[in-house]
C-alpha atoms as a PDB file:
ATOM      1  CA  MET A   1      36.600 -85.706 111.117  1.00  0.00           C
ATOM      2  CA  LEU A   2      37.493 -82.292 112.581  1.00  0.00           C
ATOM      3  CA  THR A   3      35.621 -80.402 109.840  1.00  0.00           C
ATOM      4  CA  TYR A   4      32.565 -82.618 110.295  1.00  0.00           C
ATOM      5  CA  THR A   5      32.603 -82.125 114.059  1.00  0.00           C
ATOM      6  CA  LEU A   6      32.874 -78.328 113.764  1.00  0.00           C
ATOM      7  CA  LEU A   7      30.077 -78.046 111.197  1.00  0.00           C
ATOM      8  CA  ALA A   8      27.822 -80.404 113.133  1.00  0.00           C
ATOM      9  CA  GLY A   9      28.625 -78.411 116.262  1.00  0.00           C
ATOM     10  CA  LEU A  10      27.487 -75.207 114.531  1.00  0.00           C
ATOM     11  CA  LEU A  11      24.192 -76.816 113.486  1.00  0.00           C
ATOM     12  CA  PHE A  12      23.571 -78.119 116.979  1.00  0.00           C
ATOM     13  CA  GLY A  13      24.790 -74.813 118.442  1.00  0.00           C
ATOM     14  CA  LEU A  14      22.101 -72.890 116.571  1.00  0.00           C
ATOM     15  CA  TYR A  15      19.521 -75.324 117.889  1.00  0.00           C
ATOM     16  CA  PHE A  16      20.768 -75.028 121.472  1.00  0.00           C
ATOM     17  CA  THR A  17      20.645 -71.238 121.056  1.00  0.00           C
ATOM     18  CA  LEU A  18      16.974 -71.522 120.160  1.00  0.00           C
ATOM     19  CA  ILE A  19      16.418 -73.761 123.195  1.00  0.00           C
ATOM     20  CA  GLY A  20      18.018 -71.280 125.596  1.00  0.00           C
ATOM     21  CA  LEU A  21      16.733 -68.045 124.062  1.00  0.00           C
ATOM     22  CA  GLY A  22      13.226 -68.240 125.514  1.00  0.00           C
ATOM     23  CA  LEU A  23      14.545 -69.021 128.986  1.00  0.00           C
ATOM     24  CA  ASN A  24      16.995 -66.102 128.868  1.00  0.00           C
ATOM     25  CA  LEU A  25      14.343 -63.709 127.549  1.00  0.00           C
ATOM     26  CA  VAL A  26      12.053 -64.521 130.476  1.00  0.00           C
ATOM     27  CA  PHE A  27      14.893 -64.141 132.964  1.00  0.00           C
ATOM     28  CA  GLY A  28      16.061 -60.872 131.415  1.00  0.00           C
ATOM     29  CA  VAL A  29      12.634 -59.255 131.586  1.00  0.00           C
ATOM     30  CA  MET A  30      11.339 -60.653 134.896  1.00  0.00           C
ATOM     31  CA  ARG A  31      14.433 -61.964 136.723  1.00  0.00           C
ATOM     32  CA  ILE A  32      12.735 -65.292 137.293  1.00  0.00           C
ATOM     33  CA  VAL A  33      13.968 -68.762 136.322  1.00  0.00           C
ATOM     34  CA  ASN A  34      11.407 -70.896 134.520  1.00  0.00           C
ATOM     35  CA  LEU A  35      12.350 -74.423 135.596  1.00  0.00           C
ATOM     36  CA  ALA A  36       9.419 -75.710 133.527  1.00  0.00           C
ATOM     37  CA  HIS A  37      11.062 -74.430 130.319  1.00  0.00           C
ATOM     38  CA  GLY A  38      12.082 -77.913 129.194  1.00  0.00           C
ATOM     39  CA  ASP A  39       8.590 -79.221 129.854  1.00  0.00           C
ATOM     40  CA  PHE A  40       7.076 -76.664 127.486  1.00  0.00           C
ATOM     41  CA  LEU A  41       9.621 -77.807 124.904  1.00  0.00           C
ATOM     42  CA  MET A  42       8.444 -81.355 125.554  1.00  0.00           C
ATOM     43  CA  LEU A  43       4.818 -80.274 124.993  1.00  0.00           C
ATOM     44  CA  GLY A  44       5.859 -78.624 121.711  1.00  0.00           C
ATOM     45  CA  ALA A  45       7.527 -81.872 120.679  1.00  0.00           C
ATOM     46  CA  PHE A  46       4.374 -83.869 121.441  1.00  0.00           C
ATOM     47  CA  LEU A  47       2.276 -81.311 119.544  1.00  0.00           C
ATOM     48  CA  ALA A  48       4.450 -81.912 116.466  1.00  0.00           C
ATOM     49  CA  PHE A  49       4.266 -85.669 116.998  1.00  0.00           C
ATOM     50  CA  TRP A  50       0.476 -85.793 117.291  1.00  0.00           C
ATOM     51  CA  LEU A  51      -0.106 -83.414 114.367  1.00  0.00           C
ATOM     52  CA  PHE A  52       2.075 -85.688 112.255  1.00  0.00           C
ATOM     53  CA  SER A  53       0.560 -88.932 113.575  1.00  0.00           C
ATOM     54  CA  LEU A  54      -3.096 -87.890 113.375  1.00  0.00           C
ATOM     55  CA  PHE A  55      -3.156 -85.481 110.424  1.00  0.00           C
ATOM     56  CA  ALA A  56       0.146 -86.188 108.584  1.00  0.00           C
ATOM     57  CA  ILE A  57       1.203 -82.538 109.049  1.00  0.00           C
ATOM     58  CA  ASN A  58       4.900 -82.056 108.301  1.00  0.00           C
ATOM     59  CA  PRO A  59       6.967 -80.497 111.119  1.00  0.00           C
ATOM     60  CA  ILE A  60       7.730 -77.366 109.045  1.00  0.00           C
ATOM     61  CA  PRO A  61       4.101 -76.097 108.980  1.00  0.00           C
ATOM     62  CA  THR A  62       3.881 -77.047 112.659  1.00  0.00           C
ATOM     63  CA  ILE A  63       6.393 -74.328 113.579  1.00  0.00           C
ATOM     64  CA  PRO A  64       4.001 -71.311 113.397  1.00  0.00           C
ATOM     65  CA  ILE A  65       1.193 -73.401 114.911  1.00  0.00           C
ATOM     66  CA  ALA A  66       3.320 -74.336 117.926  1.00  0.00           C
ATOM     67  CA  PHE A  67       4.580 -70.784 118.394  1.00  0.00           C
ATOM     68  CA  LEU A  68       1.098 -69.247 118.248  1.00  0.00           C
ATOM     69  CA  VAL A  69      -0.497 -71.845 120.550  1.00  0.00           C
ATOM     70  CA  PHE A  70       2.126 -71.449 123.275  1.00  0.00           C
ATOM     71  CA  LEU A  71       2.353 -67.675 122.846  1.00  0.00           C
ATOM     72  CA  LEU A  72      -1.374 -67.464 123.587  1.00  0.00           C
ATOM     73  CA  LEU A  73      -1.022 -69.976 126.431  1.00  0.00           C
ATOM     74  CA  GLY A  74       1.661 -67.779 127.984  1.00  0.00           C
ATOM     75  CA  PHE A  75      -0.676 -64.821 128.613  1.00  0.00           C
ATOM     76  CA  PRO A  76      -3.125 -66.450 131.067  1.00  0.00           C
ATOM     77  CA  LEU A  77      -0.286 -68.427 132.645  1.00  0.00           C
ATOM     78  CA  TYR A  78       1.671 -65.216 133.215  1.00  0.00           C
ATOM     79  CA  TYR A  79      -1.223 -63.365 134.861  1.00  0.00           C
ATOM     80  CA  LEU A  80      -2.036 -66.419 136.978  1.00  0.00           C
ATOM     81  CA  LEU A  81       1.486 -66.946 138.350  1.00  0.00           C
ATOM     82  CA  VAL A  82       3.978 -64.166 137.757  1.00  0.00           C
ATOM     83  CA  PRO A  83       2.561 -60.836 139.089  1.00  0.00           C
ATOM     84  CA  ARG A  84       2.118 -62.280 142.596  1.00  0.00           C
ATOM     85  CA  LEU A  85       5.554 -63.827 142.377  1.00  0.00           C
ATOM     86  CA  LEU A  86       7.190 -60.501 141.458  1.00  0.00           C
ATOM     87  CA  ARG A  87       5.611 -58.823 144.494  1.00  0.00           C
ATOM     88  CA  ALA A  88       7.393 -61.251 146.829  1.00  0.00           C
ATOM     89  CA  LYS A  89      10.536 -60.269 148.741  1.00  0.00           C
ATOM     90  CA  ASP A  90      12.717 -62.800 146.893  1.00  0.00           C
ATOM     91  CA  PRO A  91      11.056 -63.538 143.511  1.00  0.00           C
ATOM     92  CA  GLU A  92      14.116 -65.254 142.048  1.00  0.00           C
ATOM     93  CA  MET A  93      14.272 -67.901 144.754  1.00  0.00           C
ATOM     94  CA  LEU A  94      10.501 -68.367 144.836  1.00  0.00           C
ATOM     95  CA  SER A  95      10.484 -68.775 141.054  1.00  0.00           C
ATOM     96  CA  PHE A  96      12.651 -71.884 141.458  1.00  0.00           C
ATOM     97  CA  ILE A  97      10.072 -73.424 143.772  1.00  0.00           C
ATOM     98  CA  LEU A  98       6.996 -72.340 141.813  1.00  0.00           C
ATOM     99  CA  PHE A  99       8.196 -73.412 138.372  1.00  0.00           C
ATOM    100  CA  PHE A 100       9.717 -76.611 139.699  1.00  0.00           C
ATOM    101  CA  GLY A 101       6.248 -77.480 140.971  1.00  0.00           C
ATOM    102  CA  LEU A 102       4.733 -76.513 137.620  1.00  0.00           C
ATOM    103  CA  SER A 103       7.302 -78.742 135.895  1.00  0.00           C
ATOM    104  CA  GLN A 104       6.272 -81.711 138.032  1.00  0.00           C
ATOM    105  CA  VAL A 105       2.587 -81.091 137.308  1.00  0.00           C
ATOM    106  CA  ILE A 106       3.170 -80.899 133.538  1.00  0.00           C
ATOM    107  CA  GLN A 107       5.304 -84.046 133.564  1.00  0.00           C
ATOM    108  CA  ALA A 108       2.734 -85.969 135.630  1.00  0.00           C
ATOM    109  CA  LEU A 109      -0.167 -84.936 133.390  1.00  0.00           C
ATOM    110  CA  ALA A 110       1.822 -85.789 130.239  1.00  0.00           C
ATOM    111  CA  THR A 111       2.662 -89.206 131.673  1.00  0.00           C
ATOM    112  CA  ILE A 112      -0.995 -89.866 132.495  1.00  0.00           C
ATOM    113  CA  LEU A 113      -2.093 -88.812 129.001  1.00  0.00           C
ATOM    114  CA  TRP A 114       0.635 -90.396 126.870  1.00  0.00           C
ATOM    115  CA  GLY A 115       2.407 -92.925 129.082  1.00  0.00           C
ATOM    116  CA  THR A 116       6.158 -93.360 129.313  1.00  0.00           C
ATOM    117  CA  SER A 117       6.780 -94.854 125.869  1.00  0.00           C
ATOM    118  CA  GLU A 118       9.358 -93.160 123.664  1.00  0.00           C
ATOM    119  CA  ARG A 119       8.048 -91.557 120.479  1.00  0.00           C
ATOM    120  CA  SER A 120       9.655 -89.961 117.449  1.00  0.00           C
ATOM    121  CA  ILE A 121       9.026 -88.634 113.940  1.00  0.00           C
ATOM    122  CA  PRO A 122      10.862 -90.184 110.978  1.00  0.00           C
ATOM    123  CA  GLY A 123      13.739 -87.933 109.931  1.00  0.00           C
ATOM    124  CA  GLY A 124      12.725 -88.342 106.289  1.00  0.00           C
ATOM    125  CA  GLN A 125       9.632 -86.191 106.915  1.00  0.00           C
ATOM    126  CA  LEU A 126      11.756 -83.141 107.621  1.00  0.00           C
ATOM    127  CA  GLY A 127      14.155 -84.126 104.841  1.00  0.00           C
ATOM    128  CA  ARG A 128      11.341 -84.174 102.289  1.00  0.00           C
ATOM    129  CA  ALA A 129      10.203 -80.727 103.391  1.00  0.00           C
ATOM    130  CA  ILE A 130      13.687 -79.207 103.075  1.00  0.00           C
ATOM    131  CA  ALA A 131      14.167 -80.919  99.677  1.00  0.00           C
ATOM    132  CA  ALA A 132      10.893 -79.408  98.453  1.00  0.00           C
ATOM    133  CA  ILE A 133      11.887 -75.962  99.689  1.00  0.00           C
ATOM    134  CA  LEU A 134      15.330 -76.178  98.061  1.00  0.00           C
ATOM    135  CA  SER A 135      13.760 -77.388  94.804  1.00  0.00           C
ATOM    136  CA  PHE A 136      11.405 -74.394  94.827  1.00  0.00           C
ATOM    137  CA  VAL A 137      14.210 -71.905  95.578  1.00  0.00           C
ATOM    138  CA  THR A 138      16.739 -73.282  93.067  1.00  0.00           C
ATOM    139  CA  GLY A 139      14.255 -74.178  90.352  1.00  0.00           C
ATOM    140  CA  ARG A 140      15.644 -77.699  89.962  1.00  0.00           C
ATOM    141  CA  THR A 141      14.732 -81.028  91.503  1.00  0.00           C
ATOM    142  CA  ILE A 142      16.493 -81.773  94.803  1.00  0.00           C
ATOM    143  CA  GLU A 143      16.281 -85.341  95.993  1.00  0.00           C
ATOM    144  CA  ASN A 144      15.579 -86.178  99.605  1.00  0.00           C
ATOM    145  CA  GLY A 145      18.756 -87.429 101.274  1.00  0.00           C
ATOM    146  CA  PRO A 146      21.910 -86.291 103.062  1.00  0.00           C
ATOM    147  CA  ILE A 147      23.010 -82.709 102.384  1.00  0.00           C
ATOM    148  CA  GLU A 148      26.647 -81.880 101.676  1.00  0.00           C
ATOM    149  CA  ILE A 149      28.307 -78.866 103.305  1.00  0.00           C
ATOM    150  CA  LEU A 150      31.991 -78.244 102.532  1.00  0.00           C
ATOM    151  CA  GLY A 151      32.367 -81.837 101.438  1.00  0.00           C
ATOM    152  CA  GLN A 152      30.733 -83.271 104.560  1.00  0.00           C
ATOM    153  CA  SER A 153      27.401 -85.118 104.483  1.00  0.00           C
ATOM    154  CA  PHE A 154      24.798 -84.377 107.146  1.00  0.00           C
ATOM    155  CA  PRO A 155      21.265 -85.692 107.692  1.00  0.00           C
ATOM    156  CA  ALA A 156      18.766 -83.355 106.069  1.00  0.00           C
ATOM    157  CA  ALA A 157      16.913 -83.146 109.387  1.00  0.00           C
ATOM    158  CA  TRP A 158      20.026 -81.694 111.063  1.00  0.00           C
ATOM    159  CA  VAL A 159      20.476 -79.085 108.350  1.00  0.00           C
ATOM    160  CA  ALA A 160      16.788 -78.169 108.329  1.00  0.00           C
ATOM    161  CA  SER A 161      16.763 -77.845 112.121  1.00  0.00           C
ATOM    162  CA  GLY A 162      19.915 -75.713 112.098  1.00  0.00           C
ATOM    163  CA  ILE A 163      18.600 -73.407 109.367  1.00  0.00           C
ATOM    164  CA  ALA A 164      15.178 -73.036 110.981  1.00  0.00           C
ATOM    165  CA  SER A 165      16.789 -72.389 114.370  1.00  0.00           C
ATOM    166  CA  GLY A 166      19.083 -69.756 112.831  1.00  0.00           C
ATOM    167  CA  ILE A 167      16.098 -68.032 111.214  1.00  0.00           C
ATOM    168  CA  GLY A 168      14.247 -68.121 114.532  1.00  0.00           C
ATOM    169  CA  VAL A 169      17.209 -66.571 116.353  1.00  0.00           C
ATOM    170  CA  LEU A 170      17.495 -63.807 113.734  1.00  0.00           C
ATOM    171  CA  LEU A 171      13.776 -63.044 114.039  1.00  0.00           C
ATOM    172  CA  VAL A 172      14.092 -62.740 117.821  1.00  0.00           C
ATOM    173  CA  TYR A 173      16.990 -60.305 117.475  1.00  0.00           C
ATOM    174  CA  TRP A 174      15.049 -58.351 114.853  1.00  0.00           C
ATOM    175  CA  TYR A 175      12.141 -58.168 117.282  1.00  0.00           C
ATOM    176  CA  LEU A 176      14.365 -56.982 120.139  1.00  0.00           C
ATOM    177  CA  TYR A 177      16.463 -54.445 118.217  1.00  0.00           C
ATOM    178  CA  ARG A 178      14.277 -53.289 115.309  1.00  0.00           C
ATOM    179  CA  THR A 179      10.723 -53.016 116.649  1.00  0.00           C
ATOM    180  CA  LYS A 180       9.060 -50.637 119.090  1.00  0.00           C
ATOM    181  CA  LEU A 181       7.869 -53.517 121.240  1.00  0.00           C
ATOM    182  CA  GLY A 182      11.437 -54.831 121.292  1.00  0.00           C
ATOM    183  CA  TYR A 183      12.761 -51.453 122.461  1.00  0.00           C
ATOM    184  CA  LEU A 184      10.223 -51.477 125.286  1.00  0.00           C
ATOM    185  CA  THR A 185      11.201 -55.052 126.173  1.00  0.00           C
ATOM    186  CA  ARG A 186      14.880 -54.099 126.376  1.00  0.00           C
ATOM    187  CA  ALA A 187      13.995 -51.081 128.509  1.00  0.00           C
ATOM    188  CA  VAL A 188      12.295 -53.386 131.008  1.00  0.00           C
ATOM    189  CA  MET A 189      15.340 -55.683 130.901  1.00  0.00           C
ATOM    190  CA  VAL A 190      17.660 -52.793 131.796  1.00  0.00           C
ATOM    191  CA  SER A 191      15.582 -51.528 134.742  1.00  0.00           C
ATOM    192  CA  ARG A 192      12.055 -52.531 135.620  1.00  0.00           C
ATOM    193  CA  ASP A 193      11.623 -49.625 138.041  1.00  0.00           C
ATOM    194  CA  GLU A 194      12.808 -47.031 135.526  1.00  0.00           C
ATOM    195  CA  ALA A 195      10.505 -48.541 132.903  1.00  0.00           C
ATOM    196  CA  VAL A 196       7.539 -48.136 135.272  1.00  0.00           C
ATOM    197  CA  ALA A 197       8.577 -44.532 135.996  1.00  0.00           C
ATOM    198  CA  SER A 198       8.719 -43.870 132.237  1.00  0.00           C
ATOM    199  CA  GLY A 199       5.106 -44.923 131.803  1.00  0.00           C
ATOM    200  CA  ILE A 200       5.770 -48.299 130.166  1.00  0.00           C
ATOM    201  CA  ASP A 201       3.077 -50.925 130.786  1.00  0.00           C
ATOM    202  CA  VAL A 202       5.500 -53.366 132.372  1.00  0.00           C
ATOM    203  CA  ASP A 203       2.893 -56.065 132.964  1.00  0.00           C
ATOM    204  CA  ARG A 204       1.897 -56.103 129.292  1.00  0.00           C
ATOM    205  CA  ILE A 205       5.528 -56.226 128.121  1.00  0.00           C
ATOM    206  CA  SER A 206       6.304 -58.986 130.627  1.00  0.00           C
ATOM    207  CA  ALA A 207       3.270 -61.042 129.563  1.00  0.00           C
ATOM    208  CA  ILE A 208       4.324 -60.793 125.912  1.00  0.00           C
ATOM    209  CA  ALA A 209       7.906 -61.760 126.783  1.00  0.00           C
ATOM    210  CA  PHE A 210       6.659 -64.711 128.827  1.00  0.00           C
ATOM    211  CA  GLY A 211       4.486 -65.848 125.922  1.00  0.00           C
ATOM    212  CA  PHE A 212       7.434 -65.428 123.548  1.00  0.00           C
ATOM    213  CA  GLY A 213       9.562 -67.558 125.841  1.00  0.00           C
ATOM    214  CA  LEU A 214       7.023 -70.391 125.815  1.00  0.00           C
ATOM    215  CA  GLY A 215       6.545 -70.037 122.054  1.00  0.00           C
ATOM    216  CA  LEU A 216      10.288 -70.326 121.410  1.00  0.00           C
ATOM    217  CA  ALA A 217      10.457 -73.403 123.650  1.00  0.00           C
ATOM    218  CA  ALA A 218       7.609 -75.001 121.681  1.00  0.00           C
ATOM    219  CA  VAL A 219       9.324 -74.256 118.348  1.00  0.00           C
ATOM    220  CA  ALA A 220      12.504 -75.870 119.662  1.00  0.00           C
ATOM    221  CA  GLY A 221      10.341 -78.818 120.658  1.00  0.00           C
ATOM    222  CA  VAL A 222       9.231 -79.303 117.051  1.00  0.00           C
ATOM    223  CA  PHE A 223      12.837 -80.185 116.169  1.00  0.00           C
ATOM    224  CA  ALA A 224      13.526 -82.210 119.315  1.00  0.00           C
ATOM    225  CA  PRO A 225      12.691 -85.594 117.712  1.00  0.00           C
ATOM    226  CA  PHE A 226      15.415 -84.987 115.109  1.00  0.00           C
ATOM    227  CA  LEU A 227      18.216 -83.507 117.223  1.00  0.00           C
ATOM    228  CA  LEU A 228      17.543 -84.800 120.737  1.00  0.00           C
ATOM    229  CA  GLY A 229      16.227 -88.249 119.783  1.00  0.00           C
ATOM    230  CA  SER A 230      12.986 -89.798 120.958  1.00  0.00           C
ATOM    231  CA  ILE A 231      10.621 -87.756 123.108  1.00  0.00           C
ATOM    232  CA  THR A 232       9.115 -88.719 126.466  1.00  0.00           C
ATOM    233  CA  PRO A 233       7.215 -86.821 129.189  1.00  0.00           C
ATOM    234  CA  ALA A 234      10.329 -87.036 131.390  1.00  0.00           C
ATOM    235  CA  MET A 235      12.685 -85.267 128.953  1.00  0.00           C
ATOM    236  CA  GLY A 236      11.929 -81.771 130.274  1.00  0.00           C
ATOM    237  CA  ALA A 237      14.328 -81.772 133.230  1.00  0.00           C
ATOM    238  CA  GLU A 238      17.368 -82.613 131.117  1.00  0.00           C
ATOM    239  CA  VAL A 239      16.423 -79.974 128.531  1.00  0.00           C
ATOM    240  CA  THR A 240      16.043 -77.343 131.271  1.00  0.00           C
ATOM    241  CA  ILE A 241      19.546 -78.128 132.559  1.00  0.00           C
ATOM    242  CA  THR A 242      20.921 -77.799 129.031  1.00  0.00           C
ATOM    243  CA  SER A 243      19.079 -74.489 128.550  1.00  0.00           C
ATOM    244  CA  PHE A 244      20.412 -73.186 131.845  1.00  0.00           C
ATOM    245  CA  ALA A 245      23.962 -74.180 130.885  1.00  0.00           C
ATOM    246  CA  VAL A 246      23.642 -72.344 127.562  1.00  0.00           C
ATOM    247  CA  ILE A 247      22.458 -69.059 129.086  1.00  0.00           C
ATOM    248  CA  VAL A 248      24.953 -69.163 131.966  1.00  0.00           C
ATOM    249  CA  ILE A 249      27.829 -69.695 129.507  1.00  0.00           C
ATOM    250  CA  GLY A 250      26.811 -66.599 127.528  1.00  0.00           C
ATOM    251  CA  SER A 251      25.363 -64.366 130.231  1.00  0.00           C
ATOM    252  CA  LEU A 252      22.144 -64.438 132.211  1.00  0.00           C
ATOM    253  CA  GLY A 253      19.706 -61.791 130.970  1.00  0.00           C
ATOM    254  CA  ASN A 254      21.756 -61.005 127.832  1.00  0.00           C
ATOM    255  CA  PRO A 255      20.076 -62.376 124.666  1.00  0.00           C
ATOM    256  CA  LEU A 256      23.261 -61.853 122.630  1.00  0.00           C
ATOM    257  CA  GLY A 257      25.075 -64.079 125.091  1.00  0.00           C
ATOM    258  CA  THR A 258      22.619 -66.892 124.335  1.00  0.00           C
ATOM    259  CA  LEU A 259      23.965 -67.161 120.790  1.00  0.00           C
ATOM    260  CA  LEU A 260      27.538 -67.397 122.030  1.00  0.00           C
ATOM    261  CA  GLY A 261      26.553 -69.864 124.747  1.00  0.00           C
ATOM    262  CA  GLY A 262      24.628 -72.020 122.285  1.00  0.00           C
ATOM    263  CA  LEU A 263      27.517 -72.200 119.822  1.00  0.00           C
ATOM    264  CA  VAL A 264      30.042 -72.978 122.568  1.00  0.00           C
ATOM    265  CA  TYR A 265      27.779 -75.688 123.934  1.00  0.00           C
ATOM    266  CA  GLY A 266      26.953 -77.139 120.504  1.00  0.00           C
ATOM    267  CA  ILE A 267      30.575 -77.416 119.379  1.00  0.00           C
ATOM    268  CA  SER A 268      31.641 -78.807 122.759  1.00  0.00           C
ATOM    269  CA  TYR A 269      28.788 -81.313 122.622  1.00  0.00           C
ATOM    270  CA  MET A 270      29.806 -82.624 119.199  1.00  0.00           C
ATOM    271  CA  PHE A 271      33.461 -82.890 120.221  1.00  0.00           C
ATOM    272  CA  MET A 272      32.429 -84.875 123.277  1.00  0.00           C
ATOM    273  CA  GLN A 273      30.175 -87.119 121.196  1.00  0.00           C
ATOM    274  CA  SER A 274      32.965 -87.704 118.651  1.00  0.00           C
ATOM    275  CA  TYR A 275      35.940 -88.235 120.959  1.00  0.00           C
ATOM    276  CA  TYR A 276      34.656 -88.841 124.511  1.00  0.00           C
ATOM    277  CA  SER A 277      31.089 -90.076 124.041  1.00  0.00           C
ATOM    278  CA  SER A 278      30.916 -91.651 127.501  1.00  0.00           C
ATOM    279  CA  TRP A 279      31.366 -88.157 129.014  1.00  0.00           C
ATOM    280  CA  ALA A 280      28.801 -86.403 126.819  1.00  0.00           C
ATOM    281  CA  ASN A 281      25.996 -86.488 129.432  1.00  0.00           C
ATOM    282  CA  LEU A 282      28.257 -84.677 131.897  1.00  0.00           C
ATOM    283  CA  LEU A 283      28.907 -81.776 129.521  1.00  0.00           C
ATOM    284  CA  PRO A 284      26.255 -79.330 130.869  1.00  0.00           C
ATOM    285  CA  TYR A 285      27.556 -79.740 134.413  1.00  0.00           C
ATOM    286  CA  LEU A 286      31.224 -79.511 133.404  1.00  0.00           C
ATOM    287  CA  LEU A 287      30.638 -76.327 131.404  1.00  0.00           C
ATOM    288  CA  LEU A 288      28.562 -74.790 134.202  1.00  0.00           C
ATOM    289  CA  ILE A 289      31.287 -75.462 136.767  1.00  0.00           C
ATOM    290  CA  ALA A 290      34.039 -74.164 134.470  1.00  0.00           C
ATOM    291  CA  VAL A 291      32.192 -70.939 133.590  1.00  0.00           C
ATOM    292  CA  LEU A 292      31.101 -70.246 137.172  1.00  0.00           C
ATOM    293  CA  LEU A 293      34.689 -70.682 138.377  1.00  0.00           C
ATOM    294  CA  LEU A 294      36.379 -68.682 135.610  1.00  0.00           C
ATOM    295  CA  ARG A 295      33.681 -66.190 134.482  1.00  0.00           C
ATOM    296  CA  PRO A 296      30.862 -66.077 137.067  1.00  0.00           C
ATOM    297  CA  ASN A 297      28.963 -63.468 135.019  1.00  0.00           C
ATOM    298  CA  GLY A 298      29.213 -65.448 131.775  1.00  0.00           C
ATOM    299  CA  LEU A 299      31.375 -64.889 128.720  1.00  0.00           C
ATOM    300  CA  LEU A 300      29.552 -61.636 127.905  1.00  0.00           C
ATOM    301  CA  GLY A 301      28.841 -60.607 131.476  1.00  0.00           C
ATOM    302  CA  ARG A 302      30.887 -57.432 131.358  1.00  0.00           C
ATOM    303  CA  GLN A 303      29.263 -56.228 128.146  1.00  0.00           C
ATOM    304  CA  ALA A 304      25.847 -56.868 129.676  1.00  0.00           C
ATOM    305  CA  ARG A 305      26.642 -54.692 132.704  1.00  0.00           C
ATOM    306  CA  ARG A 306      27.907 -51.825 130.561  1.00  0.00           C
ATOM    307  CA  ALA A 307      24.803 -51.939 128.393  1.00  0.00           C
END
């Protein structure tokens, strides 16, 4: 039972890292809190649902589609909302109000369009995709079904979501630490004023980071039907709270801290589900209170300040 809980916690932890990464990237670059983050994840989940329902498109090919659509959506949304917000005297506080309002608008429109009924995608769809990929890689036929890891059986959808989330996290870190655009993004994260003085086009970098944040939320939304259960227009608020808990645990504005925060949250979540399931819904709030009392800057807060 302990081994199963730890391994499941790692799979969920990678997914929660992906959920929080976009939110932390936006905060790190612009010092604003996107309270509509969970709602963009919800929209990504509905995109995957409708592509599957209408065109029988498997969730795996939906990943690049969702990322590209929301990346492109992020550019006009950034220039419409964020530059004016950053010129305000207290952009962080105003961002709470602005994006909370945006969250309510998105939720209301989604409810009008799709109603309040719960929807989902059969887990076997993702299982078939991962079985096909494994068959191609290994050169032998892999049947669709539970996947064994260290003697423990897990739903193929969990494993596929964990692997895809891990790949997504690695790609984000490659972008931040191995590309020129990533270097510029990190420069803006360290000091926006110094970046402007150095001749960096801060607005362009911020718009790209904002689009990346929405794209990562949408990709996480593709896997939401398999790891978070059924999807509804009202799911965004709970996802935003979870995302906020993940990035506060690691460190606000520190992408590396998101990985640590996601793993801590994922393992804690599975332990709560296994041993104290009635308390599982309180986990984000309990972890937030504990971290804010013991490590107000997050588990990697000191490293972030030295960087």
